[in-house]
Structure formats: C-alpha cells, structure tokens
Amino acid sequence: MSTFISSPDDNDDDIMITLLLLAMCYPPVNRTPSFRESLTVDEVRRRSGKIRRHALQHPLSSPFWTLFNSKHDDALITLCGFDHASFELLHQLFKPSFYSFTPCRKNTDFIVRNSTTKKGRQRYLCSISCLALGLAWTRTCGSYMILQIIFGLTHGSLSVWLRFSRRMIVKVLLTHEDAVVRLPTADEATLFATMINQKYPLIKNFWGAMDGLRLTLQRAGNETQQNNFYNGWTHEQHYVTNLFLFSPDGKIRCSYFNALVFSMTPPWQFGHRSMIKLKWFTGIQVKKCCCGFSISI
C-alpha cells in the first residue's frame, strides 16, 4: 500500500480554502463614508475654494494694474513689499529671464527655453505682473483665493505662473552681487561698527544684529496624518523658525534655518567658524536681538 505524504503546497491550499470559507460566512463590514465622499458633484464644486473665470476680471484689467498705475508707493509696498523705484530695479533683472524662458507642464524643471518660432496664444501676464505675483505671494499665507482676485487668474493658471515667477526670481538673484548671503570683510565690519556707533553712541564694537522670522508651512490635508506629525500646541499654524544676521546696509549676512528657540541658539550653530574668525580679526561682535532683550556673541 502506498503511503500518502503531504507537501507544503497542500498545506497552503488548505489554508486558502479555509480563509475563503470564513470570508463567505462573514459578510463585509460597510465602511461609513467620509463627509466629502457623501457630497454630490455640485456640493464638492461649491466647496472647492476656487474662483471660476466668469467671476474674475481680465488679467490685463485686473485690480493689480489699477494699483500699479496709481503710482502710490504705499499701495505697492503693502502688496509686494517694494516701492516703485525698488520694484523697477528688480524688474530689470527679472524681465530678460521672463522672456527667455517659459513654464512647461511636461518638463520636470518647469523651465524651457523659447524656440525661435513663436507658437500658441499671447501671454496675458507680462513681466511686471508675473514679478508682482511672486512678490505678492510672499506677503500672504499661501492662499490662492486673494491672488486670483487681484491678478484675474484662474486657479490652474495662477499655480503655473506663480511657480514660474518664484523660480525666475531665485534664478536672477542667486548670483547677484547685492543678493548673495555672505559675511562682510574685516574692512566692511569696521565700517558698519562705525556707522552703528555714530547713530547709537552706547553701542560699541558691533557691526550687525540678529533677529528671528517664523515662516508658515502648509498643513496636511488628512486630519489623521496631521495629528501624527504635528501637535500644534503653540499655534494653529505650523512654521519653521529662522534666524537672520543683518548688517546696516540692509543685507542678510548669514542665516540659520529651523532654529529651536531664537534666544537660545548658540553661536556655533548660527554663524559657524567664519563669524567667530571675523570677531577674532576685528574685535567687533554681533548683537543678538530677540525676545525683548539683547546679548552679545
């Protein structure tokens, strides 16, 4: 008589059959749909937070151009952070890149050189409005709704041109002499210390000042994911704390990102060895101004 020997494959088959029988005995549990899944198509559209084209002005006659053509510096400073003279200086740097490149959805870099043959429709945004769009975005918390009304752009077009504007601004300022973040030379530090001492006689041997800035971050759309990573115990908005070192000429000389507490950031984290060497060579220090008091480094 032959002996039957079971193989591992037979055991796997038995397990699969058992699981299928159990699945047939117990009906599936009906999952309660979320609030958004229970909405109709029209209700989802009502809550999209977007402004449609028929509710917007034409980009060439948008509220931005009313503000810009008024020539009021206070209005432009409120929207973009620059007066007309400063805006024009930045625009002269921005304009060549704006017309030399174009946003492209299919390109990963989002920047493609224009071909010699002109194709497609004419741009509704010129270099002035595109630059203003990028600068105005830095004055908001990231909401597209207000920018749509100001510049007369739909949500999709606004997203494309805003990203293009930001990348062009970074491109032109990345290597510009007045925009590069670097520590001053020993002669510059001495000059800055003299300037500060002339205006504030009690402050001696200081060439710069540090202060903090909190930049908000986008929250996760899923509430469960949001609670897993952020507790939000200090504020409803999530932010990254940063430190910047300013000199009297208005330039940022050094920066430190994601600082835990402004007043407790040690000098080796902020200015690394270069700032310490500058202090050794000149005897001139930096003033740290935050949280309502000042200490020297």
C-alpha atoms as a PDB file:
ATOM      1  CA  MET A   1       0.000   0.000   0.000  1.00  0.00           C
ATOM      2  CA  SER A   2       1.398   3.386  -0.977  1.00  0.00           C
ATOM      3  CA  THR A   3       1.821   5.988   1.737  1.00  0.00           C
ATOM      4  CA  PHE A   4       0.384   9.491   1.129  1.00  0.00           C
ATOM      5  CA  ILE A   5       2.851  12.218   2.026  1.00  0.00           C
ATOM      6  CA  SER A   6       1.507  15.803   2.235  1.00  0.00           C
ATOM      7  CA  SER A   7       3.591  18.542   0.679  1.00  0.00           C
ATOM      8  CA  PRO A   8       3.902  22.202   1.816  1.00  0.00           C
ATOM      9  CA  ASP A   9       1.824  23.213  -1.207  1.00  0.00           C
ATOM     10  CA  ASP A  10      -1.092  21.107   0.015  1.00  0.00           C
ATOM     11  CA  ASN A  11      -0.992  22.858   3.384  1.00  0.00           C
ATOM     12  CA  ASP A  12      -1.077  26.252   1.669  1.00  0.00           C
ATOM     13  CA  ASP A  13      -4.109  25.176  -0.356  1.00  0.00           C
ATOM     14  CA  ASP A  14      -5.924  24.084   2.793  1.00  0.00           C
ATOM     15  CA  ILE A  15      -5.247  27.425   4.414  1.00  0.00           C
ATOM     16  CA  MET A  16      -6.550  29.324   1.380  1.00  0.00           C
ATOM     17  CA  ILE A  17      -9.737  27.215   1.273  1.00  0.00           C
ATOM     18  CA  THR A  18     -10.319  27.829   4.984  1.00  0.00           C
ATOM     19  CA  LEU A  19      -9.899  31.593   4.550  1.00  0.00           C
ATOM     20  CA  LEU A  20     -12.321  31.648   1.611  1.00  0.00           C
ATOM     21  CA  LEU A  21     -14.947  29.760   3.603  1.00  0.00           C
ATOM     22  CA  LEU A  22     -14.580  32.183   6.510  1.00  0.00           C
ATOM     23  CA  ALA A  23     -14.923  35.145   4.151  1.00  0.00           C
ATOM     24  CA  MET A  24     -18.159  33.679   2.762  1.00  0.00           C
ATOM     25  CA  CYS A  25     -19.580  33.138   6.232  1.00  0.00           C
ATOM     26  CA  TYR A  26     -18.979  36.696   7.424  1.00  0.00           C
ATOM     27  CA  PRO A  27     -20.387  39.490   5.223  1.00  0.00           C
ATOM     28  CA  PRO A  28     -18.146  42.511   4.601  1.00  0.00           C
ATOM     29  CA  VAL A  29     -18.470  45.395   7.031  1.00  0.00           C
ATOM     30  CA  ASN A  30     -19.889  48.501   5.394  1.00  0.00           C
ATOM     31  CA  ARG A  31     -17.476  51.418   5.902  1.00  0.00           C
ATOM     32  CA  THR A  32     -19.072  54.693   6.791  1.00  0.00           C
ATOM     33  CA  PRO A  33     -18.234  57.169   4.001  1.00  0.00           C
ATOM     34  CA  SER A  34     -16.459  60.361   4.940  1.00  0.00           C
ATOM     35  CA  PHE A  35     -18.194  63.721   4.730  1.00  0.00           C
ATOM     36  CA  ARG A  36     -16.502  64.602   1.422  1.00  0.00           C
ATOM     37  CA  GLU A  37     -17.409  61.236  -0.112  1.00  0.00           C
ATOM     38  CA  SER A  38     -21.049  61.819   0.777  1.00  0.00           C
ATOM     39  CA  LEU A  39     -21.185  65.093  -1.153  1.00  0.00           C
ATOM     40  CA  THR A  40     -22.604  65.382  -4.637  1.00  0.00           C
ATOM     41  CA  VAL A  41     -20.595  66.753  -7.557  1.00  0.00           C
ATOM     42  CA  ASP A  42     -22.267  70.146  -7.222  1.00  0.00           C
ATOM     43  CA  GLU A  43     -21.608  70.274  -3.471  1.00  0.00           C
ATOM     44  CA  VAL A  44     -17.929  69.409  -3.994  1.00  0.00           C
ATOM     45  CA  ARG A  45     -17.636  72.214  -6.524  1.00  0.00           C
ATOM     46  CA  ARG A  46     -19.227  74.676  -4.089  1.00  0.00           C
ATOM     47  CA  ARG A  47     -16.557  73.820  -1.505  1.00  0.00           C
ATOM     48  CA  SER A  48     -13.572  73.760  -3.879  1.00  0.00           C
ATOM     49  CA  GLY A  49     -12.292  77.168  -2.749  1.00  0.00           C
ATOM     50  CA  LYS A  50     -11.643  78.219  -6.349  1.00  0.00           C
ATOM     51  CA  ILE A  51     -12.924  81.226  -8.277  1.00  0.00           C
ATOM     52  CA  ARG A  52     -14.051  80.476 -11.837  1.00  0.00           C
ATOM     53  CA  ARG A  53     -13.130  82.505 -14.895  1.00  0.00           C
ATOM     54  CA  HIS A  54     -16.560  84.127 -15.302  1.00  0.00           C
ATOM     55  CA  ALA A  55     -16.242  85.605 -11.780  1.00  0.00           C
ATOM     56  CA  LEU A  56     -12.827  87.201 -12.441  1.00  0.00           C
ATOM     57  CA  GLN A  57     -11.704  90.291 -14.279  1.00  0.00           C
ATOM     58  CA  HIS A  58      -9.450  90.013 -17.298  1.00  0.00           C
ATOM     59  CA  PRO A  59      -5.753  89.837 -16.295  1.00  0.00           C
ATOM     60  CA  LEU A  60      -4.981  92.957 -18.346  1.00  0.00           C
ATOM     61  CA  SER A  61      -7.595  94.966 -16.428  1.00  0.00           C
ATOM     62  CA  SER A  62      -7.208  93.318 -13.042  1.00  0.00           C
ATOM     63  CA  PRO A  63      -7.123  95.206  -9.716  1.00  0.00           C
ATOM     64  CA  PHE A  64      -3.335  94.863  -9.704  1.00  0.00           C
ATOM     65  CA  TRP A  65      -2.991  97.170 -12.707  1.00  0.00           C
ATOM     66  CA  THR A  66      -5.251  99.730 -11.043  1.00  0.00           C
ATOM     67  CA  LEU A  67      -2.941  99.651  -8.039  1.00  0.00           C
ATOM     68  CA  PHE A  68       0.253  99.687 -10.095  1.00  0.00           C
ATOM     69  CA  ASN A  69      -0.799 102.509 -12.402  1.00  0.00           C
ATOM     70  CA  SER A  70      -1.801 104.675  -9.445  1.00  0.00           C
ATOM     71  CA  LYS A  71       1.952 105.150  -8.715  1.00  0.00           C
ATOM     72  CA  HIS A  72       1.310 105.116  -4.975  1.00  0.00           C
ATOM     73  CA  ASP A  73       4.349 103.646  -3.232  1.00  0.00           C
ATOM     74  CA  ASP A  74       2.452 102.799  -0.056  1.00  0.00           C
ATOM     75  CA  ALA A  75      -0.017 100.644  -2.011  1.00  0.00           C
ATOM     76  CA  LEU A  76       2.715  98.730  -3.854  1.00  0.00           C
ATOM     77  CA  ILE A  77       4.675  98.231  -0.621  1.00  0.00           C
ATOM     78  CA  THR A  78       1.564  96.774   1.003  1.00  0.00           C
ATOM     79  CA  LEU A  79       1.058  94.297  -1.852  1.00  0.00           C
ATOM     80  CA  CYS A  80       4.634  93.436  -2.921  1.00  0.00           C
ATOM     81  CA  GLY A  81       6.920  94.809  -0.219  1.00  0.00           C
ATOM     82  CA  PHE A  82       8.690  97.220  -2.630  1.00  0.00           C
ATOM     83  CA  ASP A  83       8.123 100.794  -3.695  1.00  0.00           C
ATOM     84  CA  HIS A  84       8.054 101.626  -7.415  1.00  0.00           C
ATOM     85  CA  ALA A  85      11.742 102.515  -7.628  1.00  0.00           C
ATOM     86  CA  SER A  86      12.891  99.297  -5.944  1.00  0.00           C
ATOM     87  CA  PHE A  87      10.359  97.262  -7.904  1.00  0.00           C
ATOM     88  CA  GLU A  88      11.727  98.646 -11.181  1.00  0.00           C
ATOM     89  CA  LEU A  89      15.303  97.729 -10.235  1.00  0.00           C
ATOM     90  CA  LEU A  90      14.234  94.148  -9.572  1.00  0.00           C
ATOM     91  CA  HIS A  91      12.104  94.123 -12.713  1.00  0.00           C
ATOM     92  CA  GLN A  92      15.099  94.997 -14.903  1.00  0.00           C
ATOM     93  CA  LEU A  93      16.788  91.831 -13.634  1.00  0.00           C
ATOM     94  CA  PHE A  94      13.642  89.739 -13.906  1.00  0.00           C
ATOM     95  CA  LYS A  95      12.489  90.802 -17.384  1.00  0.00           C
ATOM     96  CA  PRO A  96      15.208  89.108 -19.555  1.00  0.00           C
ATOM     97  CA  SER A  97      14.656  85.757 -17.855  1.00  0.00           C
ATOM     98  CA  PHE A  98      10.887  86.076 -18.108  1.00  0.00           C
ATOM     99  CA  TYR A  99      11.022  86.398 -21.904  1.00  0.00           C
ATOM    100  CA  SER A 100      13.870  83.886 -22.337  1.00  0.00           C
ATOM    101  CA  PHE A 101      12.097  81.036 -20.565  1.00  0.00           C
ATOM    102  CA  THR A 102       8.578  79.735 -20.374  1.00  0.00           C
ATOM    103  CA  PRO A 103       6.719  77.414 -17.993  1.00  0.00           C
ATOM    104  CA  CYS A 104       6.049  73.946 -19.352  1.00  0.00           C
ATOM    105  CA  ARG A 105       3.896  71.311 -17.663  1.00  0.00           C
ATOM    106  CA  LYS A 106       5.728  68.402 -19.324  1.00  0.00           C
ATOM    107  CA  ASN A 107       9.195  69.467 -18.211  1.00  0.00           C
ATOM    108  CA  THR A 108      10.391  68.442 -14.761  1.00  0.00           C
ATOM    109  CA  ASP A 109      12.424  71.632 -14.398  1.00  0.00           C
ATOM    110  CA  PHE A 110       9.345  73.644 -15.349  1.00  0.00           C
ATOM    111  CA  ILE A 111      11.591  75.955 -17.374  1.00  0.00           C
ATOM    112  CA  VAL A 112      12.144  75.580 -21.110  1.00  0.00           C
ATOM    113  CA  ARG A 113      13.806  77.999 -23.483  1.00  0.00           C
ATOM    114  CA  ASN A 114      11.566  79.625 -26.029  1.00  0.00           C
ATOM    115  CA  SER A 115      12.052  78.375 -29.569  1.00  0.00           C
ATOM    116  CA  THR A 116      12.712  80.743 -32.438  1.00  0.00           C
ATOM    117  CA  THR A 117       9.251  80.014 -33.839  1.00  0.00           C
ATOM    118  CA  LYS A 118       6.505  81.652 -31.813  1.00  0.00           C
ATOM    119  CA  LYS A 119       3.621  79.303 -31.080  1.00  0.00           C
ATOM    120  CA  GLY A 120       0.452  79.457 -29.043  1.00  0.00           C
ATOM    121  CA  ARG A 121      -1.521  82.388 -27.749  1.00  0.00           C
ATOM    122  CA  GLN A 122      -0.006  85.587 -26.444  1.00  0.00           C
ATOM    123  CA  ARG A 123       0.684  85.713 -22.727  1.00  0.00           C
ATOM    124  CA  TYR A 124      -1.838  87.564 -20.609  1.00  0.00           C
ATOM    125  CA  LEU A 125       0.824  88.116 -17.966  1.00  0.00           C
ATOM    126  CA  CYS A 126       3.720  90.423 -18.753  1.00  0.00           C
ATOM    127  CA  SER A 127       6.975  90.521 -16.809  1.00  0.00           C
ATOM    128  CA  ILE A 128       5.624  93.198 -14.444  1.00  0.00           C
ATOM    129  CA  SER A 129       2.510  91.294 -13.387  1.00  0.00           C
ATOM    130  CA  CYS A 130       4.401  87.983 -13.152  1.00  0.00           C
ATOM    131  CA  LEU A 131       7.039  89.524 -10.872  1.00  0.00           C
ATOM    132  CA  ALA A 132       4.337  91.179  -8.777  1.00  0.00           C
ATOM    133  CA  LEU A 133       2.538  87.842  -8.484  1.00  0.00           C
ATOM    134  CA  GLY A 134       5.612  86.189  -6.973  1.00  0.00           C
ATOM    135  CA  LEU A 135       6.253  89.079  -4.596  1.00  0.00           C
ATOM    136  CA  ALA A 136       2.604  89.344  -3.538  1.00  0.00           C
ATOM    137  CA  TRP A 137       2.573  85.621  -2.738  1.00  0.00           C
ATOM    138  CA  THR A 138       5.345  86.171  -0.181  1.00  0.00           C
ATOM    139  CA  ARG A 139       3.065  88.640   1.604  1.00  0.00           C
ATOM    140  CA  THR A 140       0.303  86.050   2.103  1.00  0.00           C
ATOM    141  CA  CYS A 141      -0.039  82.721   3.901  1.00  0.00           C
ATOM    142  CA  GLY A 142      -0.221  80.891   0.574  1.00  0.00           C
ATOM    143  CA  SER A 143      -3.925  81.224  -0.223  1.00  0.00           C
ATOM    144  CA  TYR A 144      -4.693  81.410  -3.958  1.00  0.00           C
ATOM    145  CA  MET A 145      -8.138  82.949  -3.489  1.00  0.00           C
ATOM    146  CA  ILE A 146      -6.946  86.509  -2.855  1.00  0.00           C
ATOM    147  CA  LEU A 147      -4.290  86.295  -5.587  1.00  0.00           C
ATOM    148  CA  GLN A 148      -6.921  85.126  -8.069  1.00  0.00           C
ATOM    149  CA  ILE A 149      -8.993  88.244  -7.396  1.00  0.00           C
ATOM    150  CA  ILE A 150      -6.006  90.611  -7.516  1.00  0.00           C
ATOM    151  CA  PHE A 151      -4.455  89.267 -10.742  1.00  0.00           C
ATOM    152  CA  GLY A 152      -7.532  87.880 -12.524  1.00  0.00           C
ATOM    153  CA  LEU A 153      -6.170  84.345 -12.968  1.00  0.00           C
ATOM    154  CA  THR A 154      -7.895  81.005 -12.613  1.00  0.00           C
ATOM    155  CA  HIS A 155      -6.609  78.532 -10.049  1.00  0.00           C
ATOM    156  CA  GLY A 156      -4.664  76.397 -12.557  1.00  0.00           C
ATOM    157  CA  SER A 157      -3.064  79.323 -14.376  1.00  0.00           C
ATOM    158  CA  LEU A 158      -2.178  81.002 -11.107  1.00  0.00           C
ATOM    159  CA  SER A 159      -0.387  77.880  -9.893  1.00  0.00           C
ATOM    160  CA  VAL A 160       1.663  77.633 -13.119  1.00  0.00           C
ATOM    161  CA  TRP A 161       2.719  81.290 -13.260  1.00  0.00           C
ATOM    162  CA  LEU A 162       3.362  81.579  -9.536  1.00  0.00           C
ATOM    163  CA  ARG A 163       5.814  78.689  -9.607  1.00  0.00           C
ATOM    164  CA  PHE A 164       7.451  80.141 -12.718  1.00  0.00           C
ATOM    165  CA  SER A 165       7.734  83.567 -11.072  1.00  0.00           C
ATOM    166  CA  ARG A 166       9.329  82.158  -7.926  1.00  0.00           C
ATOM    167  CA  ARG A 167      11.892  80.175  -9.905  1.00  0.00           C
ATOM    168  CA  MET A 168      12.791  83.131 -12.099  1.00  0.00           C
ATOM    169  CA  ILE A 169      13.261  85.373  -9.047  1.00  0.00           C
ATOM    170  CA  VAL A 170      15.586  82.809  -7.474  1.00  0.00           C
ATOM    171  CA  LYS A 171      17.434  82.395 -10.770  1.00  0.00           C
ATOM    172  CA  VAL A 172      18.229  86.089 -11.203  1.00  0.00           C
ATOM    173  CA  LEU A 173      19.080  86.722  -7.534  1.00  0.00           C
ATOM    174  CA  LEU A 174      21.085  83.574  -6.880  1.00  0.00           C
ATOM    175  CA  THR A 175      24.324  85.042  -8.198  1.00  0.00           C
ATOM    176  CA  HIS A 176      23.552  88.760  -7.958  1.00  0.00           C
ATOM    177  CA  GLU A 177      26.131  90.774  -6.045  1.00  0.00           C
ATOM    178  CA  ASP A 178      23.641  92.522  -3.779  1.00  0.00           C
ATOM    179  CA  ALA A 179      21.572  89.389  -3.092  1.00  0.00           C
ATOM    180  CA  VAL A 180      24.277  86.864  -2.172  1.00  0.00           C
ATOM    181  CA  VAL A 181      24.252  85.917   1.521  1.00  0.00           C
ATOM    182  CA  ARG A 182      27.816  86.161   2.838  1.00  0.00           C
ATOM    183  CA  LEU A 183      29.701  87.611   5.789  1.00  0.00           C
ATOM    184  CA  PRO A 184      31.316  91.040   5.368  1.00  0.00           C
ATOM    185  CA  THR A 185      35.031  91.527   5.081  1.00  0.00           C
ATOM    186  CA  ALA A 186      37.051  92.910   8.005  1.00  0.00           C
ATOM    187  CA  ASP A 187      37.027  96.402   6.450  1.00  0.00           C
ATOM    188  CA  GLU A 188      33.249  96.269   5.932  1.00  0.00           C
ATOM    189  CA  ALA A 189      32.691  95.107   9.503  1.00  0.00           C
ATOM    190  CA  THR A 190      34.780  98.016  10.798  1.00  0.00           C
ATOM    191  CA  LEU A 191      32.780 100.450   8.661  1.00  0.00           C
ATOM    192  CA  PHE A 192      29.464  99.005   9.894  1.00  0.00           C
ATOM    193  CA  ALA A 193      30.590  99.247  13.523  1.00  0.00           C
ATOM    194  CA  THR A 194      31.472 102.910  12.989  1.00  0.00           C
ATOM    195  CA  MET A 195      28.077 103.616  11.429  1.00  0.00           C
ATOM    196  CA  ILE A 196      26.223 101.959  14.310  1.00  0.00           C
ATOM    197  CA  ASN A 197      28.308 103.762  16.929  1.00  0.00           C
ATOM    198  CA  GLN A 198      27.675 107.147  15.300  1.00  0.00           C
ATOM    199  CA  LYS A 199      23.926 106.654  15.479  1.00  0.00           C
ATOM    200  CA  TYR A 200      23.874 104.826  18.820  1.00  0.00           C
ATOM    201  CA  PRO A 201      26.871 106.001  20.907  1.00  0.00           C
ATOM    202  CA  LEU A 202      26.202 103.462  23.673  1.00  0.00           C
ATOM    203  CA  ILE A 203      26.642 100.545  21.266  1.00  0.00           C
ATOM    204  CA  LYS A 204      30.304  99.912  20.573  1.00  0.00           C
ATOM    205  CA  ASN A 205      32.133  97.275  18.540  1.00  0.00           C
ATOM    206  CA  PHE A 206      29.010  95.770  16.988  1.00  0.00           C
ATOM    207  CA  TRP A 207      28.640  95.511  13.210  1.00  0.00           C
ATOM    208  CA  GLY A 208      25.297  93.664  12.857  1.00  0.00           C
ATOM    209  CA  ALA A 209      22.156  92.406  14.531  1.00  0.00           C
ATOM    210  CA  MET A 210      20.299  89.104  14.533  1.00  0.00           C
ATOM    211  CA  ASP A 211      16.563  88.596  14.633  1.00  0.00           C
ATOM    212  CA  GLY A 212      14.167  85.740  14.022  1.00  0.00           C
ATOM    213  CA  LEU A 213      11.445  85.069  11.486  1.00  0.00           C
ATOM    214  CA  ARG A 214       8.776  82.373  11.509  1.00  0.00           C
ATOM    215  CA  LEU A 215       7.737  81.080   8.100  1.00  0.00           C
ATOM    216  CA  THR A 216       4.460  79.159   7.968  1.00  0.00           C
ATOM    217  CA  LEU A 217       4.180  75.692   6.433  1.00  0.00           C
ATOM    218  CA  GLN A 218       1.342  74.042   4.564  1.00  0.00           C
ATOM    219  CA  ARG A 219      -0.763  71.737   6.701  1.00  0.00           C
ATOM    220  CA  ALA A 220      -1.522  68.162   5.705  1.00  0.00           C
ATOM    221  CA  GLY A 221      -4.936  67.724   4.105  1.00  0.00           C
ATOM    222  CA  ASN A 222      -5.618  64.500   6.018  1.00  0.00           C
ATOM    223  CA  GLU A 223      -6.532  65.167   9.645  1.00  0.00           C
ATOM    224  CA  THR A 224      -5.124  61.831  10.865  1.00  0.00           C
ATOM    225  CA  GLN A 225      -1.797  62.441   9.150  1.00  0.00           C
ATOM    226  CA  GLN A 226      -1.769  65.966  10.558  1.00  0.00           C
ATOM    227  CA  ASN A 227      -2.205  64.703  14.117  1.00  0.00           C
ATOM    228  CA  ASN A 228       0.503  62.068  13.694  1.00  0.00           C
ATOM    229  CA  PHE A 229       3.276  64.557  12.976  1.00  0.00           C
ATOM    230  CA  TYR A 230       2.202  67.946  14.391  1.00  0.00           C
ATOM    231  CA  ASN A 231       0.613  68.658  17.738  1.00  0.00           C
ATOM    232  CA  GLY A 232       0.115  72.383  17.129  1.00  0.00           C
ATOM    233  CA  TRP A 233       0.345  73.206  20.828  1.00  0.00           C
ATOM    234  CA  THR A 234       1.820  76.683  20.248  1.00  0.00           C
ATOM    235  CA  HIS A 235      -0.248  77.888  17.339  1.00  0.00           C
ATOM    236  CA  GLU A 236      -2.841  76.739  14.835  1.00  0.00           C
ATOM    237  CA  GLN A 237      -0.352  77.382  12.012  1.00  0.00           C
ATOM    238  CA  HIS A 238       2.804  75.317  11.637  1.00  0.00           C
ATOM    239  CA  TYR A 239       6.014  77.180  10.988  1.00  0.00           C
ATOM    240  CA  VAL A 240       9.793  76.943  10.747  1.00  0.00           C
ATOM    241  CA  THR A 241      11.779  79.312  12.938  1.00  0.00           C
ATOM    242  CA  ASN A 242      14.744  81.004  11.296  1.00  0.00           C
ATOM    243  CA  LEU A 243      17.497  83.411  12.315  1.00  0.00           C
ATOM    244  CA  PHE A 244      18.947  86.114  10.084  1.00  0.00           C
ATOM    245  CA  LEU A 245      22.001  88.298  10.579  1.00  0.00           C
ATOM    246  CA  PHE A 246      21.553  91.811   9.179  1.00  0.00           C
ATOM    247  CA  SER A 247      24.146  94.497   8.508  1.00  0.00           C
ATOM    248  CA  PRO A 248      23.485  98.277   8.421  1.00  0.00           C
ATOM    249  CA  ASP A 249      23.397  98.279   4.601  1.00  0.00           C
ATOM    250  CA  GLY A 250      20.231  96.165   4.714  1.00  0.00           C
ATOM    251  CA  LYS A 251      21.788  92.896   3.521  1.00  0.00           C
ATOM    252  CA  ILE A 252      21.405  89.469   5.096  1.00  0.00           C
ATOM    253  CA  ARG A 253      24.924  88.412   6.025  1.00  0.00           C
ATOM    254  CA  CYS A 254      24.199  84.980   7.490  1.00  0.00           C
ATOM    255  CA  SER A 255      21.196  82.762   8.149  1.00  0.00           C
ATOM    256  CA  TYR A 256      20.263  79.759  10.223  1.00  0.00           C
ATOM    257  CA  PHE A 257      17.147  77.741   9.399  1.00  0.00           C
ATOM    258  CA  ASN A 258      14.945  75.672  11.680  1.00  0.00           C
ATOM    259  CA  ALA A 259      16.270  77.175  14.905  1.00  0.00           C
ATOM    260  CA  LEU A 260      14.598  75.765  18.014  1.00  0.00           C
ATOM    261  CA  VAL A 261      14.456  78.957  20.117  1.00  0.00           C
ATOM    262  CA  PHE A 262      15.721  82.344  18.938  1.00  0.00           C
ATOM    263  CA  SER A 263      17.338  83.393  22.204  1.00  0.00           C
ATOM    264  CA  MET A 264      18.965  80.020  22.881  1.00  0.00           C
ATOM    265  CA  THR A 265      20.661  79.406  19.515  1.00  0.00           C
ATOM    266  CA  PRO A 266      24.410  79.040  20.157  1.00  0.00           C
ATOM    267  CA  PRO A 267      26.861  80.972  18.002  1.00  0.00           C
ATOM    268  CA  TRP A 268      28.486  77.853  16.564  1.00  0.00           C
ATOM    269  CA  GLN A 269      25.111  76.833  15.102  1.00  0.00           C
ATOM    270  CA  PHE A 270      24.335  80.232  13.670  1.00  0.00           C
ATOM    271  CA  GLY A 271      27.472  81.831  12.307  1.00  0.00           C
ATOM    272  CA  HIS A 272      29.771  78.772  12.252  1.00  0.00           C
ATOM    273  CA  ARG A 273      33.514  79.405  12.280  1.00  0.00           C
ATOM    274  CA  SER A 274      33.582  82.264   9.775  1.00  0.00           C
ATOM    275  CA  MET A 275      31.799  84.709  12.100  1.00  0.00           C
ATOM    276  CA  ILE A 276      33.985  83.673  15.034  1.00  0.00           C
ATOM    277  CA  LYS A 277      37.131  84.310  12.962  1.00  0.00           C
ATOM    278  CA  LEU A 278      35.775  87.716  11.924  1.00  0.00           C
ATOM    279  CA  LYS A 279      35.381  88.601  15.598  1.00  0.00           C
ATOM    280  CA  TRP A 280      38.935  87.489  16.330  1.00  0.00           C
ATOM    281  CA  PHE A 281      40.405  89.550  13.482  1.00  0.00           C
ATOM    282  CA  THR A 282      38.482  92.775  14.143  1.00  0.00           C
ATOM    283  CA  GLY A 283      37.355  92.569  17.752  1.00  0.00           C
ATOM    284  CA  ILE A 284      33.884  93.509  16.516  1.00  0.00           C
ATOM    285  CA  GLN A 285      30.851  91.498  17.583  1.00  0.00           C
ATOM    286  CA  VAL A 286      27.256  90.878  16.597  1.00  0.00           C
ATOM    287  CA  LYS A 287      24.204  91.995  18.520  1.00  0.00           C
ATOM    288  CA  LYS A 288      21.529  89.349  19.021  1.00  0.00           C
ATOM    289  CA  CYS A 289      18.109  90.981  19.279  1.00  0.00           C
ATOM    290  CA  CYS A 290      15.152  88.776  20.061  1.00  0.00           C
ATOM    291  CA  CYS A 291      12.536  88.061  22.705  1.00  0.00           C
ATOM    292  CA  GLY A 292      12.775  91.620  24.026  1.00  0.00           C
ATOM    293  CA  PHE A 293      16.432  91.651  25.116  1.00  0.00           C
ATOM    294  CA  SER A 294      19.913  91.819  23.618  1.00  0.00           C
ATOM    295  CA  ILE A 295      23.044  89.839  24.307  1.00  0.00           C
ATOM    296  CA  SER A 296      26.437  89.929  22.640  1.00  0.00           C
ATOM    297  CA  ILE A 297      28.085  86.972  20.976  1.00  0.00           C
END
